[in-house]
Amino acid sequence: MAREIELKLKEGVVAPEFSAATSGGGRVSLADFKGKNVVLYFYPKDDTPGCTKEACAFRDHFTEFKKAGAVVLGVSTDPVKSHDKFVEKFKLPFTLLADEDKKIVSAYGVWGEKSFMGRKYLGTHRVTFLIGPDGRIKKIWLQVKPDEHAEEVLAML
């Protein structure tokens, strides 16, 4: 699947700081996780087929991520209420960030034109960033296969 996304962020640069409302009614910022590996995965929409597969794969490997000392954060532009339903329905053990004002997707360059069945629209590209304990981007995955992705990320930790 060809991607029409060209990221400005590169591996090795400092990850853009962010702060957002989360599932469960909290608020987090990137600074909260200084000293840890952070898996920041962007996905288009709660409770859709590909996004559900990807979230469930992270869920199924969550213990391994914790053992590796990594934090998993999912980001979409859905509201907290939608995230809460998604978390509850699939028993997701990690935090989802509600980026309703699109500040995070914009800062990371994953918001842009997409096309589905010939229709063009704006949306979130499925991209994952691994941010190291020093706050720098260690790895970027532009080609994400929802079923296998969690294992790919684990292999990098």
C-alpha atoms as a PDB file:
ATOM      1  CA  MET A   1       0.000   0.000   0.000  1.00  0.00           C
ATOM      2  CA  ALA A   2       1.638   3.232  -1.122  1.00  0.00           C
ATOM      3  CA  ARG A   3       1.750   6.033   1.397  1.00  0.00           C
ATOM      4  CA  GLU A   4       1.334   9.633   0.369  1.00  0.00           C
ATOM      5  CA  ILE A   5       2.780  10.848   3.657  1.00  0.00           C
ATOM      6  CA  GLU A   6       6.113  12.622   3.934  1.00  0.00           C
ATOM      7  CA  LEU A   7       7.179  13.188   7.537  1.00  0.00           C
ATOM      8  CA  LYS A   8       9.171  16.227   8.581  1.00  0.00           C
ATOM      9  CA  LEU A   9      10.259  14.439  11.761  1.00  0.00           C
ATOM     10  CA  LYS A  10      13.220  12.123  11.449  1.00  0.00           C
ATOM     11  CA  GLU A  11      14.727   9.449  13.660  1.00  0.00           C
ATOM     12  CA  GLY A  12      17.193  10.969  16.126  1.00  0.00           C
ATOM     13  CA  VAL A  13      15.383  14.295  16.618  1.00  0.00           C
ATOM     14  CA  VAL A  14      13.707  15.348  19.856  1.00  0.00           C
ATOM     15  CA  ALA A  15      10.046  14.288  19.849  1.00  0.00           C
ATOM     16  CA  PRO A  16       7.541  17.160  19.978  1.00  0.00           C
ATOM     17  CA  GLU A  17       6.141  17.714  23.478  1.00  0.00           C
ATOM     18  CA  PHE A  18       2.398  17.254  23.905  1.00  0.00           C
ATOM     19  CA  SER A  19      -0.329  17.215  26.504  1.00  0.00           C
ATOM     20  CA  ALA A  20      -3.771  15.681  26.044  1.00  0.00           C
ATOM     21  CA  ALA A  21      -6.911  14.427  27.737  1.00  0.00           C
ATOM     22  CA  THR A  22      -6.957  10.642  28.070  1.00  0.00           C
ATOM     23  CA  SER A  23      -9.300   7.716  28.293  1.00  0.00           C
ATOM     24  CA  GLY A  24     -10.398   7.335  31.894  1.00  0.00           C
ATOM     25  CA  GLY A  25     -10.541  11.110  32.385  1.00  0.00           C
ATOM     26  CA  GLY A  26      -6.868  11.883  33.003  1.00  0.00           C
ATOM     27  CA  ARG A  27      -4.339  14.071  31.281  1.00  0.00           C
ATOM     28  CA  VAL A  28      -0.798  13.189  30.218  1.00  0.00           C
ATOM     29  CA  SER A  29       2.115  14.905  28.580  1.00  0.00           C
ATOM     30  CA  LEU A  30       5.217  13.434  26.979  1.00  0.00           C
ATOM     31  CA  ALA A  31       7.329  14.881  29.819  1.00  0.00           C
ATOM     32  CA  ASP A  32       5.527  12.509  32.248  1.00  0.00           C
ATOM     33  CA  PHE A  33       7.418   9.608  30.678  1.00  0.00           C
ATOM     34  CA  LYS A  34      10.965  10.991  30.661  1.00  0.00           C
ATOM     35  CA  GLY A  35      13.432   8.140  31.145  1.00  0.00           C
ATOM     36  CA  LYS A  36      11.156   5.532  29.540  1.00  0.00           C
ATOM     37  CA  ASN A  37      10.638   4.210  26.052  1.00  0.00           C
ATOM     38  CA  VAL A  38       7.316   5.518  24.750  1.00  0.00           C
ATOM     39  CA  VAL A  39       5.425   3.771  21.962  1.00  0.00           C
ATOM     40  CA  LEU A  40       3.292   6.548  20.482  1.00  0.00           C
ATOM     41  CA  TYR A  41       0.985   5.025  17.941  1.00  0.00           C
ATOM     42  CA  PHE A  42      -1.384   7.073  15.809  1.00  0.00           C
ATOM     43  CA  TYR A  43      -4.507   5.456  14.418  1.00  0.00           C
ATOM     44  CA  PRO A  44      -7.466   6.778  12.404  1.00  0.00           C
ATOM     45  CA  LYS A  45     -10.583   5.880  14.416  1.00  0.00           C
ATOM     46  CA  ASP A  46     -11.810   4.024  17.509  1.00  0.00           C
ATOM     47  CA  ASP A  47     -13.572   0.705  16.981  1.00  0.00           C
ATOM     48  CA  THR A  48     -12.918   0.329  13.247  1.00  0.00           C
ATOM     49  CA  PRO A  49     -11.500  -2.959  11.856  1.00  0.00           C
ATOM     50  CA  GLY A  50      -7.815  -2.073  11.376  1.00  0.00           C
ATOM     51  CA  CYS A  51      -7.628   0.115  14.472  1.00  0.00           C
ATOM     52  CA  THR A  52      -9.242  -2.577  16.605  1.00  0.00           C
ATOM     53  CA  LYS A  53      -6.763  -5.196  15.330  1.00  0.00           C
ATOM     54  CA  GLU A  54      -3.841  -2.904  16.088  1.00  0.00           C
ATOM     55  CA  ALA A  55      -5.122  -1.958  19.573  1.00  0.00           C
ATOM     56  CA  CYS A  56      -5.818  -5.610  20.441  1.00  0.00           C
ATOM     57  CA  ALA A  57      -2.318  -6.625  19.313  1.00  0.00           C
ATOM     58  CA  PHE A  58      -0.828  -3.996  21.664  1.00  0.00           C
ATOM     59  CA  ARG A  59      -3.204  -5.266  24.374  1.00  0.00           C
ATOM     60  CA  ASP A  60      -2.158  -8.888  23.835  1.00  0.00           C
ATOM     61  CA  HIS A  61       1.546  -7.981  24.125  1.00  0.00           C
ATOM     62  CA  PHE A  62       1.075  -5.369  26.866  1.00  0.00           C
ATOM     63  CA  THR A  63       2.821  -7.440  29.569  1.00  0.00           C
ATOM     64  CA  GLU A  64       5.888  -7.728  27.343  1.00  0.00           C
ATOM     65  CA  PHE A  65       5.910  -3.953  26.740  1.00  0.00           C
ATOM     66  CA  LYS A  66       5.716  -3.390  30.504  1.00  0.00           C
ATOM     67  CA  LYS A  67       8.544  -5.874  31.124  1.00  0.00           C
ATOM     68  CA  ALA A  68      10.616  -3.976  28.554  1.00  0.00           C
ATOM     69  CA  GLY A  69       9.898  -0.769  30.520  1.00  0.00           C
ATOM     70  CA  ALA A  70       7.902   0.791  27.683  1.00  0.00           C
ATOM     71  CA  VAL A  71       4.765   2.908  27.831  1.00  0.00           C
ATOM     72  CA  VAL A  72       2.138   2.416  25.107  1.00  0.00           C
ATOM     73  CA  LEU A  73       0.028   5.440  24.111  1.00  0.00           C
ATOM     74  CA  GLY A  74      -2.573   5.376  21.345  1.00  0.00           C
ATOM     75  CA  VAL A  75      -3.556   8.669  19.708  1.00  0.00           C
ATOM     76  CA  SER A  76      -6.545   9.529  17.534  1.00  0.00           C
ATOM     77  CA  THR A  77      -8.691  12.603  17.062  1.00  0.00           C
ATOM     78  CA  ASP A  78     -11.698  10.862  18.643  1.00  0.00           C
ATOM     79  CA  PRO A  79     -13.135  12.392  21.843  1.00  0.00           C
ATOM     80  CA  VAL A  80     -12.510  10.913  25.321  1.00  0.00           C
ATOM     81  CA  LYS A  81     -16.034   9.446  25.433  1.00  0.00           C
ATOM     82  CA  SER A  82     -15.308   7.419  22.283  1.00  0.00           C
ATOM     83  CA  HIS A  83     -11.943   6.292  23.729  1.00  0.00           C
ATOM     84  CA  ASP A  84     -13.611   5.172  26.957  1.00  0.00           C
ATOM     85  CA  LYS A  85     -16.056   2.967  25.027  1.00  0.00           C
ATOM     86  CA  PHE A  86     -13.208   1.537  22.896  1.00  0.00           C
ATOM     87  CA  VAL A  87     -11.090   0.788  25.994  1.00  0.00           C
ATOM     88  CA  GLU A  88     -14.016  -0.855  27.778  1.00  0.00           C
ATOM     89  CA  LYS A  89     -15.186  -2.908  24.788  1.00  0.00           C
ATOM     90  CA  PHE A  90     -11.747  -4.401  24.102  1.00  0.00           C
ATOM     91  CA  LYS A  91     -10.274  -4.236  27.646  1.00  0.00           C
ATOM     92  CA  LEU A  92      -7.341  -2.090  26.516  1.00  0.00           C
ATOM     93  CA  PRO A  93      -4.770  -1.797  29.333  1.00  0.00           C
ATOM     94  CA  PHE A  94      -3.002   1.290  27.949  1.00  0.00           C
ATOM     95  CA  THR A  95      -3.885   4.962  27.653  1.00  0.00           C
ATOM     96  CA  LEU A  96      -5.568   6.531  24.635  1.00  0.00           C
ATOM     97  CA  LEU A  97      -5.066  10.241  23.978  1.00  0.00           C
ATOM     98  CA  ALA A  98      -7.903  12.381  22.635  1.00  0.00           C
ATOM     99  CA  ASP A  99      -6.360  14.809  20.153  1.00  0.00           C
ATOM    100  CA  GLU A 100      -9.587  16.595  19.244  1.00  0.00           C
ATOM    101  CA  ASP A 101      -7.840  19.885  18.410  1.00  0.00           C
ATOM    102  CA  LYS A 102      -5.391  17.944  16.188  1.00  0.00           C
ATOM    103  CA  LYS A 103      -2.334  19.509  17.860  1.00  0.00           C
ATOM    104  CA  ILE A 104      -0.501  16.193  18.322  1.00  0.00           C
ATOM    105  CA  VAL A 105      -1.290  14.723  14.884  1.00  0.00           C
ATOM    106  CA  SER A 106      -0.134  18.028  13.374  1.00  0.00           C
ATOM    107  CA  ALA A 107       3.069  18.234  15.455  1.00  0.00           C
ATOM    108  CA  TYR A 108       3.986  14.677  14.424  1.00  0.00           C
ATOM    109  CA  GLY A 109       2.965  15.222  10.798  1.00  0.00           C
ATOM    110  CA  VAL A 110       0.496  12.333  10.631  1.00  0.00           C
ATOM    111  CA  TRP A 111      -2.605  14.395   9.787  1.00  0.00           C
ATOM    112  CA  GLY A 112      -3.181  14.756   6.082  1.00  0.00           C
ATOM    113  CA  GLU A 113      -4.970  13.814   2.918  1.00  0.00           C
ATOM    114  CA  LYS A 114      -6.013  10.196   2.586  1.00  0.00           C
ATOM    115  CA  SER A 115      -8.137   8.421   0.065  1.00  0.00           C
ATOM    116  CA  PHE A 116     -10.543   5.577   0.506  1.00  0.00           C
ATOM    117  CA  MET A 117     -12.369   4.002  -2.425  1.00  0.00           C
ATOM    118  CA  GLY A 118     -11.526   6.974  -4.612  1.00  0.00           C
ATOM    119  CA  ARG A 119     -12.754   9.553  -2.086  1.00  0.00           C
ATOM    120  CA  LYS A 120     -10.205  12.025  -0.727  1.00  0.00           C
ATOM    121  CA  TYR A 121     -10.507  13.298   2.830  1.00  0.00           C
ATOM    122  CA  LEU A 122      -8.380  14.513   5.746  1.00  0.00           C
ATOM    123  CA  GLY A 123      -7.507  12.043   8.454  1.00  0.00           C
ATOM    124  CA  THR A 124      -4.900  10.471  10.679  1.00  0.00           C
ATOM    125  CA  HIS A 125      -2.298   8.248   9.060  1.00  0.00           C
ATOM    126  CA  ARG A 126      -1.437   4.995  10.857  1.00  0.00           C
ATOM    127  CA  VAL A 127       2.114   5.774  11.970  1.00  0.00           C
ATOM    128  CA  THR A 128       4.041   4.726  15.087  1.00  0.00           C
ATOM    129  CA  PHE A 129       6.917   6.510  16.816  1.00  0.00           C
ATOM    130  CA  LEU A 130       9.238   4.905  19.343  1.00  0.00           C
ATOM    131  CA  ILE A 131      10.532   7.668  21.598  1.00  0.00           C
ATOM    132  CA  GLY A 132      13.582   6.800  23.673  1.00  0.00           C
ATOM    133  CA  PRO A 133      14.209   7.579  27.347  1.00  0.00           C
ATOM    134  CA  ASP A 134      16.142  10.698  26.234  1.00  0.00           C
ATOM    135  CA  GLY A 135      13.037  12.077  24.473  1.00  0.00           C
ATOM    136  CA  ARG A 136      14.458  11.459  20.994  1.00  0.00           C
ATOM    137  CA  ILE A 137      12.669   9.531  18.257  1.00  0.00           C
ATOM    138  CA  LYS A 138      14.377   6.132  18.011  1.00  0.00           C
ATOM    139  CA  LYS A 139      12.235   4.618  15.270  1.00  0.00           C
ATOM    140  CA  ILE A 140       9.350   5.587  12.979  1.00  0.00           C
ATOM    141  CA  TRP A 141       7.071   3.049  11.329  1.00  0.00           C
ATOM    142  CA  LEU A 142       5.315   4.472   8.259  1.00  0.00           C
ATOM    143  CA  GLN A 143       4.110   1.114   6.966  1.00  0.00           C
ATOM    144  CA  VAL A 144       1.998  -0.407   9.703  1.00  0.00           C
ATOM    145  CA  LYS A 145       0.282  -3.785   9.362  1.00  0.00           C
ATOM    146  CA  PRO A 146      -2.191  -3.751  12.264  1.00  0.00           C
ATOM    147  CA  ASP A 147      -1.930  -7.488  13.093  1.00  0.00           C
ATOM    148  CA  GLU A 148       1.883  -7.729  13.213  1.00  0.00           C
ATOM    149  CA  HIS A 149       2.798  -4.250  14.325  1.00  0.00           C
ATOM    150  CA  ALA A 150       2.995  -4.736  18.110  1.00  0.00           C
ATOM    151  CA  GLU A 151       5.556  -7.510  17.592  1.00  0.00           C
ATOM    152  CA  GLU A 152       7.656  -5.309  15.287  1.00  0.00           C
ATOM    153  CA  VAL A 153       7.732  -2.598  17.940  1.00  0.00           C
ATOM    154  CA  LEU A 154       8.589  -5.065  20.719  1.00  0.00           C
ATOM    155  CA  ALA A 155      11.529  -6.319  18.662  1.00  0.00           C
ATOM    156  CA  MET A 156      13.009  -2.785  18.809  1.00  0.00           C
ATOM    157  CA  LEU A 157      12.904  -2.522  22.613  1.00  0.00           C
END
